[in-house]
All heavy atoms as atom14 arrays in JSON, in Angstrom:
{
  "sequence": "DVAIERDAAISVYADLVAQMIAMLCCDLIHGDLSPYNILA",
  "atom14_mask": [
    [1, 1, 1, 1, 1, 1, 1, 1, 0, 0, 0, 0, 0, 0],
    [1, 1, 1, 1, 1, 1, 1, 0, 0, 0, 0, 0, 0, 0],
    [1, 1, 1, 1, 1, 0, 0, 0, 0, 0, 0, 0, 0, 0],
    [1, 1, 1, 1, 1, 1, 1, 1, 0, 0, 0, 0, 0, 0],
    [1, 1, 1, 1, 1, 1, 1, 1, 1, 0, 0, 0, 0, 0],
    [1, 1, 1, 1, 1, 1, 1, 1, 1, 1, 1, 0, 0, 0],
    [1, 1, 1, 1, 1, 1, 1, 1, 0, 0, 0, 0, 0, 0],
    [1, 1, 1, 1, 1, 0, 0, 0, 0, 0, 0, 0, 0, 0],
    [1, 1, 1, 1, 1, 0, 0, 0, 0, 0, 0, 0, 0, 0],
    [1, 1, 1, 1, 1, 1, 1, 1, 0, 0, 0, 0, 0, 0],
    [1, 1, 1, 1, 1, 1, 0, 0, 0, 0, 0, 0, 0, 0],
    [1, 1, 1, 1, 1, 1, 1, 0, 0, 0, 0, 0, 0, 0],
    [1, 1, 1, 1, 1, 1, 1, 1, 1, 1, 1, 1, 0, 0],
    [1, 1, 1, 1, 1, 0, 0, 0, 0, 0, 0, 0, 0, 0],
    [1, 1, 1, 1, 1, 1, 1, 1, 0, 0, 0, 0, 0, 0],
    [1, 1, 1, 1, 1, 1, 1, 1, 0, 0, 0, 0, 0, 0],
    [1, 1, 1, 1, 1, 1, 1, 0, 0, 0, 0, 0, 0, 0],
    [1, 1, 1, 1, 1, 0, 0, 0, 0, 0, 0, 0, 0, 0],
    [1, 1, 1, 1, 1, 1, 1, 1, 1, 0, 0, 0, 0, 0],
    [1, 1, 1, 1, 1, 1, 1, 1, 0, 0, 0, 0, 0, 0],
    [1, 1, 1, 1, 1, 1, 1, 1, 0, 0, 0, 0, 0, 0],
    [1, 1, 1, 1, 1, 0, 0, 0, 0, 0, 0, 0, 0, 0],
    [1, 1, 1, 1, 1, 1, 1, 1, 0, 0, 0, 0, 0, 0],
    [1, 1, 1, 1, 1, 1, 1, 1, 0, 0, 0, 0, 0, 0],
    [1, 1, 1, 1, 1, 1, 0, 0, 0, 0, 0, 0, 0, 0],
    [1, 1, 1, 1, 1, 1, 0, 0, 0, 0, 0, 0, 0, 0],
    [1, 1, 1, 1, 1, 1, 1, 1, 0, 0, 0, 0, 0, 0],
    [1, 1, 1, 1, 1, 1, 1, 1, 0, 0, 0, 0, 0, 0],
    [1, 1, 1, 1, 1, 1, 1, 1, 0, 0, 0, 0, 0, 0],
    [1, 1, 1, 1, 1, 1, 1, 1, 1, 1, 0, 0, 0, 0],
    [1, 1, 1, 1, 0, 0, 0, 0, 0, 0, 0, 0, 0, 0],
    [1, 1, 1, 1, 1, 1, 1, 1, 0, 0, 0, 0, 0, 0],
    [1, 1, 1, 1, 1, 1, 1, 1, 0, 0, 0, 0, 0, 0],
    [1, 1, 1, 1, 1, 1, 0, 0, 0, 0, 0, 0, 0, 0],
    [1, 1, 1, 1, 1, 1, 1, 0, 0, 0, 0, 0, 0, 0],
    [1, 1, 1, 1, 1, 1, 1, 1, 1, 1, 1, 1, 0, 0],
    [1, 1, 1, 1, 1, 1, 1, 1, 0, 0, 0, 0, 0, 0],
    [1, 1, 1, 1, 1, 1, 1, 1, 0, 0, 0, 0, 0, 0],
    [1, 1, 1, 1, 1, 1, 1, 1, 0, 0, 0, 0, 0, 0],
    [1, 1, 1, 1, 1, 0, 0, 0, 0, 0, 0, 0, 0, 0]
  ],
  "atom14_positions": [
    [[130.41, 95.1, 136.15], [129.37, 95.61, 137.06], [128.17, 96.17, 136.32], [127.29, 96.78, 136.95], [129.97, 96.7, 137.96], [131.11, 96.18, 138.82], [130.98, 95.06, 139.33], [132.11, 96.9, 138.97], [0.0, 0.0, 0.0], [0.0, 0.0, 0.0], [0.0, 0.0, 0.0], [0.0, 0.0, 0.0], [0.0, 0.0, 0.0], [0.0, 0.0, 0.0]],
    [[128.13, 95.97, 135.01], [127.06, 96.56, 134.19], [126.2, 95.45, 133.58], [126.72, 94.43, 133.1], [127.66, 97.43, 133.07], [126.56, 97.94, 132.13], [128.42, 98.6, 133.67], [0.0, 0.0, 0.0], [0.0, 0.0, 0.0], [0.0, 0.0, 0.0], [0.0, 0.0, 0.0], [0.0, 0.0, 0.0], [0.0, 0.0, 0.0], [0.0, 0.0, 0.0]],
    [[124.89, 95.64, 133.59], [123.98, 94.72, 132.91], [123.85, 95.16, 131.46], [123.41, 96.28, 131.18], [122.62, 94.73, 133.6], [0.0, 0.0, 0.0], [0.0, 0.0, 0.0], [0.0, 0.0, 0.0], [0.0, 0.0, 0.0], [0.0, 0.0, 0.0], [0.0, 0.0, 0.0], [0.0, 0.0, 0.0], [0.0, 0.0, 0.0], [0.0, 0.0, 0.0]],
    [[124.25, 94.3, 130.54], [124.23, 94.63, 129.11], [123.01, 94.0, 128.46], [122.75, 92.8, 128.63], [125.52, 94.13, 128.42], [126.74, 94.78, 129.07], [125.49, 94.42, 126.93], [128.06, 94.23, 128.57], [0.0, 0.0, 0.0], [0.0, 0.0, 0.0], [0.0, 0.0, 0.0], [0.0, 0.0, 0.0], [0.0, 0.0, 0.0], [0.0, 0.0, 0.0]],
    [[122.25, 94.82, 127.74], [121.08, 94.29, 127.02], [121.54, 93.3, 125.96], [122.58, 93.49, 125.33], [120.31, 95.43, 126.36], [119.72, 96.44, 127.34], [118.59, 95.84, 128.15], [117.96, 94.86, 127.66], [118.34, 96.34, 129.26], [0.0, 0.0, 0.0], [0.0, 0.0, 0.0], [0.0, 0.0, 0.0], [0.0, 0.0, 0.0], [0.0, 0.0, 0.0]],
    [[120.76, 92.26, 125.77], [121.14, 91.23, 124.8], [121.4, 91.83, 123.42], [122.38, 91.48, 122.76], [120.05, 90.16, 124.7], [120.35, 89.12, 123.62], [119.45, 87.92, 123.71], [119.77, 86.95, 122.67], [119.41, 85.68, 122.69], [118.72, 85.21, 123.72], [119.74, 84.88, 121.71], [0.0, 0.0, 0.0], [0.0, 0.0, 0.0], [0.0, 0.0, 0.0]],
    [[120.56, 92.75, 122.98], [120.71, 93.35, 121.65], [121.97, 94.21, 121.54], [122.46, 94.46, 120.43], [119.49, 94.2, 121.31], [118.23, 93.36, 121.11], [118.37, 92.13, 120.94], [117.13, 93.93, 121.14], [0.0, 0.0, 0.0], [0.0, 0.0, 0.0], [0.0, 0.0, 0.0], [0.0, 0.0, 0.0], [0.0, 0.0, 0.0], [0.0, 0.0, 0.0]],
    [[122.48, 94.66, 122.69], [123.66, 95.53, 122.68], [124.96, 94.73, 122.76], [126.03, 95.26, 122.44], [123.6, 96.52, 123.84], [0.0, 0.0, 0.0], [0.0, 0.0, 0.0], [0.0, 0.0, 0.0], [0.0, 0.0, 0.0], [0.0, 0.0, 0.0], [0.0, 0.0, 0.0], [0.0, 0.0, 0.0], [0.0, 0.0, 0.0], [0.0, 0.0, 0.0]],
    [[124.89, 93.48, 123.16], [126.09, 92.69, 123.38], [126.93, 92.54, 122.11], [128.16, 92.59, 122.15], [125.73, 91.32, 123.94], [0.0, 0.0, 0.0], [0.0, 0.0, 0.0], [0.0, 0.0, 0.0], [0.0, 0.0, 0.0], [0.0, 0.0, 0.0], [0.0, 0.0, 0.0], [0.0, 0.0, 0.0], [0.0, 0.0, 0.0], [0.0, 0.0, 0.0]],
    [[126.27, 92.36, 120.95], [127.0, 92.16, 119.7], [127.77, 93.42, 119.32], [128.9, 93.34, 118.8], [126.04, 91.75, 118.55], [126.84, 91.44, 117.28], [124.99, 92.81, 118.32], [127.74, 90.25, 117.39], [0.0, 0.0, 0.0], [0.0, 0.0, 0.0], [0.0, 0.0, 0.0], [0.0, 0.0, 0.0], [0.0, 0.0, 0.0], [0.0, 0.0, 0.0]],
    [[127.2, 94.6, 119.59], [127.91, 95.84, 119.25], [129.09, 96.06, 120.19], [130.13, 96.57, 119.77], [126.95, 97.04, 119.28], [126.43, 97.23, 120.57], [0.0, 0.0, 0.0], [0.0, 0.0, 0.0], [0.0, 0.0, 0.0], [0.0, 0.0, 0.0], [0.0, 0.0, 0.0], [0.0, 0.0, 0.0], [0.0, 0.0, 0.0], [0.0, 0.0, 0.0]],
    [[128.93, 95.68, 121.45], [130.06, 95.77, 122.39], [131.17, 94.82, 121.96], [132.36, 95.17, 121.98], [129.6, 95.44, 123.83], [130.8, 95.42, 124.78], [128.58, 96.46, 124.31], [0.0, 0.0, 0.0], [0.0, 0.0, 0.0], [0.0, 0.0, 0.0], [0.0, 0.0, 0.0], [0.0, 0.0, 0.0], [0.0, 0.0, 0.0], [0.0, 0.0, 0.0]],
    [[130.77, 93.62, 121.52], [131.74, 92.64, 121.02], [132.51, 93.21, 119.82], [133.75, 93.16, 119.78], [131.01, 91.35, 120.62], [131.81, 90.43, 119.74], [132.77, 89.57, 120.26], [131.6, 90.43, 118.35], [133.51, 88.73, 119.45], [132.34, 89.59, 117.53], [133.29, 88.74, 118.08], [134.03, 87.92, 117.26], [0.0, 0.0, 0.0], [0.0, 0.0, 0.0]],
    [[131.78, 93.74, 118.84], [132.42, 94.27, 117.63], [133.35, 95.43, 117.97], [134.45, 95.54, 117.42], [131.35, 94.71, 116.63], [0.0, 0.0, 0.0], [0.0, 0.0, 0.0], [0.0, 0.0, 0.0], [0.0, 0.0, 0.0], [0.0, 0.0, 0.0], [0.0, 0.0, 0.0], [0.0, 0.0, 0.0], [0.0, 0.0, 0.0], [0.0, 0.0, 0.0]],
    [[132.91, 96.27, 118.9], [133.73, 97.42, 119.32], [135.04, 96.95, 119.95], [136.12, 97.45, 119.6], [132.92, 98.26, 120.32], [133.64, 99.54, 120.73], [134.72, 99.44, 121.36], [133.13, 100.64, 120.45], [0.0, 0.0, 0.0], [0.0, 0.0, 0.0], [0.0, 0.0, 0.0], [0.0, 0.0, 0.0], [0.0, 0.0, 0.0], [0.0, 0.0, 0.0]],
    [[134.96, 96.01, 120.86], [136.16, 95.55, 121.57], [137.12, 94.78, 120.65], [138.34, 94.93, 120.76], [135.77, 94.69, 122.77], [135.19, 95.48, 123.94], [134.6, 94.55, 125.0], [136.25, 96.39, 124.56], [0.0, 0.0, 0.0], [0.0, 0.0, 0.0], [0.0, 0.0, 0.0], [0.0, 0.0, 0.0], [0.0, 0.0, 0.0], [0.0, 0.0, 0.0]],
    [[136.57, 93.99, 119.74], [137.43, 93.27, 118.8], [138.16, 94.26, 117.9], [139.36, 94.11, 117.62], [136.61, 92.26, 117.96], [137.45, 91.7, 116.83], [136.11, 91.13, 118.85], [0.0, 0.0, 0.0], [0.0, 0.0, 0.0], [0.0, 0.0, 0.0], [0.0, 0.0, 0.0], [0.0, 0.0, 0.0], [0.0, 0.0, 0.0], [0.0, 0.0, 0.0]],
    [[137.45, 95.29, 117.45], [138.09, 96.32, 116.63], [139.22, 97.01, 117.41], [140.29, 97.31, 116.86], [137.05, 97.34, 116.18], [0.0, 0.0, 0.0], [0.0, 0.0, 0.0], [0.0, 0.0, 0.0], [0.0, 0.0, 0.0], [0.0, 0.0, 0.0], [0.0, 0.0, 0.0], [0.0, 0.0, 0.0], [0.0, 0.0, 0.0], [0.0, 0.0, 0.0]],
    [[138.99, 97.24, 118.7], [140.03, 97.86, 119.51], [141.23, 96.93, 119.71], [142.38, 97.37, 119.7], [139.46, 98.27, 120.88], [138.47, 99.41, 120.82], [138.22, 100.0, 122.19], [139.11, 100.57, 122.82], [136.99, 99.86, 122.68], [0.0, 0.0, 0.0], [0.0, 0.0, 0.0], [0.0, 0.0, 0.0], [0.0, 0.0, 0.0], [0.0, 0.0, 0.0]],
    [[140.96, 95.66, 119.88], [142.06, 94.69, 120.03], [142.9, 94.64, 118.77], [144.14, 94.53, 118.83], [141.49, 93.31, 120.36], [140.88, 93.21, 121.76], [140.1, 91.59, 122.05], [141.55, 90.52, 121.97], [0.0, 0.0, 0.0], [0.0, 0.0, 0.0], [0.0, 0.0, 0.0], [0.0, 0.0, 0.0], [0.0, 0.0, 0.0], [0.0, 0.0, 0.0]],
    [[142.25, 94.71, 117.62], [142.98, 94.68, 116.34], [143.79, 95.96, 116.17], [144.94, 95.95, 115.73], [142.0, 94.47, 115.17], [141.39, 93.07, 115.26], [142.7, 94.67, 113.84], [140.27, 92.81, 114.28], [0.0, 0.0, 0.0], [0.0, 0.0, 0.0], [0.0, 0.0, 0.0], [0.0, 0.0, 0.0], [0.0, 0.0, 0.0], [0.0, 0.0, 0.0]],
    [[143.17, 97.1, 116.53], [143.89, 98.38, 116.45], [145.1, 98.37, 117.38], [146.16, 98.9, 117.04], [142.95, 99.53, 116.81], [0.0, 0.0, 0.0], [0.0, 0.0, 0.0], [0.0, 0.0, 0.0], [0.0, 0.0, 0.0], [0.0, 0.0, 0.0], [0.0, 0.0, 0.0], [0.0, 0.0, 0.0], [0.0, 0.0, 0.0], [0.0, 0.0, 0.0]],
    [[144.95, 97.76, 118.54], [146.06, 97.63, 119.49], [147.17, 96.78, 118.87], [148.36, 97.09, 119.01], [145.55, 96.98, 120.78], [146.37, 97.29, 122.02], [145.74, 96.44, 123.49], [144.01, 96.93, 123.44], [0.0, 0.0, 0.0], [0.0, 0.0, 0.0], [0.0, 0.0, 0.0], [0.0, 0.0, 0.0], [0.0, 0.0, 0.0], [0.0, 0.0, 0.0]],
    [[146.76, 95.71, 118.21], [147.72, 94.82, 117.57], [148.5, 95.57, 116.49], [149.7, 95.34, 116.3], [146.98, 93.63, 116.97], [147.79, 92.38, 116.62], [148.48, 91.81, 117.86], [146.88, 91.33, 116.0], [0.0, 0.0, 0.0], [0.0, 0.0, 0.0], [0.0, 0.0, 0.0], [0.0, 0.0, 0.0], [0.0, 0.0, 0.0], [0.0, 0.0, 0.0]],
    [[147.82, 96.47, 115.79], [148.5, 97.28, 114.76], [149.53, 98.22, 115.37], [150.41, 98.72, 114.66], [147.46, 98.07, 113.97], [146.39, 97.04, 112.93], [0.0, 0.0, 0.0], [0.0, 0.0, 0.0], [0.0, 0.0, 0.0], [0.0, 0.0, 0.0], [0.0, 0.0, 0.0], [0.0, 0.0, 0.0], [0.0, 0.0, 0.0], [0.0, 0.0, 0.0]],
    [[149.41, 98.47, 116.67], [150.39, 99.29, 117.39], [151.46, 98.43, 118.04], [152.24, 98.91, 118.87], [149.7, 100.14, 118.45], [148.61, 101.41, 117.8], [0.0, 0.0, 0.0], [0.0, 0.0, 0.0], [0.0, 0.0, 0.0], [0.0, 0.0, 0.0], [0.0, 0.0, 0.0], [0.0, 0.0, 0.0], [0.0, 0.0, 0.0], [0.0, 0.0, 0.0]],
    [[151.47, 97.13, 117.68], [152.42, 96.17, 118.23], [152.18, 95.92, 119.72], [153.1, 95.6, 120.47], [153.87, 96.63, 118.01], [154.89, 95.59, 118.47], [154.61, 94.38, 118.33], [155.94, 95.97, 119.02], [0.0, 0.0, 0.0], [0.0, 0.0, 0.0], [0.0, 0.0, 0.0], [0.0, 0.0, 0.0], [0.0, 0.0, 0.0], [0.0, 0.0, 0.0]],
    [[150.94, 96.04, 120.17], [150.63, 95.83, 121.58], [149.48, 94.85, 121.76], [148.54, 94.82, 120.97], [150.27, 97.16, 122.26], [151.36, 98.22, 122.33], [150.79, 99.5, 122.93], [152.55, 97.74, 123.15], [0.0, 0.0, 0.0], [0.0, 0.0, 0.0], [0.0, 0.0, 0.0], [0.0, 0.0, 0.0], [0.0, 0.0, 0.0], [0.0, 0.0, 0.0]],
    [[149.58, 94.04, 122.81], [148.51, 93.15, 123.25], [148.29, 93.44, 124.73], [149.27, 93.53, 125.49], [148.89, 91.67, 123.04], [149.09, 91.39, 121.55], [147.83, 90.75, 123.63], [149.72, 90.04, 121.27], [0.0, 0.0, 0.0], [0.0, 0.0, 0.0], [0.0, 0.0, 0.0], [0.0, 0.0, 0.0], [0.0, 0.0, 0.0], [0.0, 0.0, 0.0]],
    [[147.06, 93.6, 125.13], [146.79, 93.96, 126.52], [147.41, 92.95, 127.47], [148.11, 93.32, 128.42], [145.28, 94.07, 126.76], [144.92, 94.59, 128.1], [144.93, 93.8, 129.24], [144.55, 95.84, 128.53], [144.56, 94.53, 130.29], [144.33, 95.77, 129.88], [0.0, 0.0, 0.0], [0.0, 0.0, 0.0], [0.0, 0.0, 0.0], [0.0, 0.0, 0.0]],
    [[147.14, 91.68, 127.27], [147.76, 90.63, 128.08], [146.95, 90.18, 129.27], [147.21, 89.12, 129.85], [0.0, 0.0, 0.0], [0.0, 0.0, 0.0], [0.0, 0.0, 0.0], [0.0, 0.0, 0.0], [0.0, 0.0, 0.0], [0.0, 0.0, 0.0], [0.0, 0.0, 0.0], [0.0, 0.0, 0.0], [0.0, 0.0, 0.0], [0.0, 0.0, 0.0]],
    [[145.93, 90.96, 129.66], [145.09, 90.58, 130.8], [143.7, 91.17, 130.65], [143.07, 91.58, 131.62], [145.74, 91.05, 132.11], [145.06, 90.47, 133.35], [144.55, 89.33, 133.27], [145.02, 91.16, 134.39], [0.0, 0.0, 0.0], [0.0, 0.0, 0.0], [0.0, 0.0, 0.0], [0.0, 0.0, 0.0], [0.0, 0.0, 0.0], [0.0, 0.0, 0.0]],
    [[143.21, 91.22, 129.41], [141.94, 91.87, 129.13], [140.77, 91.05, 129.67], [140.71, 89.83, 129.46], [141.77, 92.08, 127.63], [140.64, 93.0, 127.19], [140.83, 94.41, 127.76], [140.54, 93.04, 125.68], [0.0, 0.0, 0.0], [0.0, 0.0, 0.0], [0.0, 0.0, 0.0], [0.0, 0.0, 0.0], [0.0, 0.0, 0.0], [0.0, 0.0, 0.0]],
    [[139.86, 91.7, 130.35], [138.68, 91.04, 130.91], [137.67, 92.12, 131.25], [137.98, 93.32, 131.21], [139.05, 90.26, 132.18], [139.2, 91.14, 133.29], [0.0, 0.0, 0.0], [0.0, 0.0, 0.0], [0.0, 0.0, 0.0], [0.0, 0.0, 0.0], [0.0, 0.0, 0.0], [0.0, 0.0, 0.0], [0.0, 0.0, 0.0], [0.0, 0.0, 0.0]],
    [[136.43, 91.75, 131.59], [135.43, 92.76, 131.96], [135.8, 93.54, 133.21], [135.17, 94.55, 133.52], [134.15, 91.94, 132.15], [134.61, 90.54, 132.37], [135.84, 90.39, 131.55], [0.0, 0.0, 0.0], [0.0, 0.0, 0.0], [0.0, 0.0, 0.0], [0.0, 0.0, 0.0], [0.0, 0.0, 0.0], [0.0, 0.0, 0.0], [0.0, 0.0, 0.0]],
    [[136.84, 93.09, 133.93], [137.27, 93.8, 135.13], [138.13, 95.02, 134.8], [138.31, 95.89, 135.64], [138.05, 92.85, 136.05], [137.19, 91.8, 136.69], [137.02, 90.56, 136.09], [136.52, 92.06, 137.88], [136.2, 89.59, 136.68], [135.71, 91.1, 138.47], [135.56, 89.87, 137.86], [134.75, 88.91, 138.44], [0.0, 0.0, 0.0], [0.0, 0.0, 0.0]],
    [[138.72, 95.06, 133.6], [139.52, 96.23, 133.24], [139.06, 96.86, 131.92], [139.86, 97.39, 131.15], [141.03, 95.9, 133.2], [141.32, 94.62, 132.47], [140.68, 94.31, 131.46], [142.29, 93.87, 132.96], [0.0, 0.0, 0.0], [0.0, 0.0, 0.0], [0.0, 0.0, 0.0], [0.0, 0.0, 0.0], [0.0, 0.0, 0.0], [0.0, 0.0, 0.0]],
    [[137.75, 96.8, 131.72], [137.1, 97.55, 130.64], [136.02, 98.39, 131.31], [135.22, 97.88, 132.08], [136.46, 96.62, 129.6], [137.51, 95.7, 128.97], [135.74, 97.44, 128.52], [136.92, 94.62, 128.09], [0.0, 0.0, 0.0], [0.0, 0.0, 0.0], [0.0, 0.0, 0.0], [0.0, 0.0, 0.0], [0.0, 0.0, 0.0], [0.0, 0.0, 0.0]],
    [[136.04, 99.69, 131.05], [135.07, 100.59, 131.66], [133.93, 100.9, 130.69], [134.15, 101.06, 129.49], [135.73, 101.91, 132.08], [136.9, 101.79, 133.08], [137.42, 103.19, 133.43], [136.47, 101.05, 134.34], [0.0, 0.0, 0.0], [0.0, 0.0, 0.0], [0.0, 0.0, 0.0], [0.0, 0.0, 0.0], [0.0, 0.0, 0.0], [0.0, 0.0, 0.0]],
    [[132.71, 100.96, 131.24], [131.53, 101.3, 130.44], [131.42, 102.82, 130.37], [130.66, 103.45, 131.1], [130.28, 100.69, 131.05], [0.0, 0.0, 0.0], [0.0, 0.0, 0.0], [0.0, 0.0, 0.0], [0.0, 0.0, 0.0], [0.0, 0.0, 0.0], [0.0, 0.0, 0.0], [0.0, 0.0, 0.0], [0.0, 0.0, 0.0], [0.0, 0.0, 0.0]]
  ]
}
């Protein structure tokens, strides 16, 4: 539901990928990750 500026999209991408990797280090995978269950 949020309009993301083009210049900001890459930082959001890097942030979420880092979180996915950190989750993986905890032996967890979200399993249904999408913009519908990520809060701004």
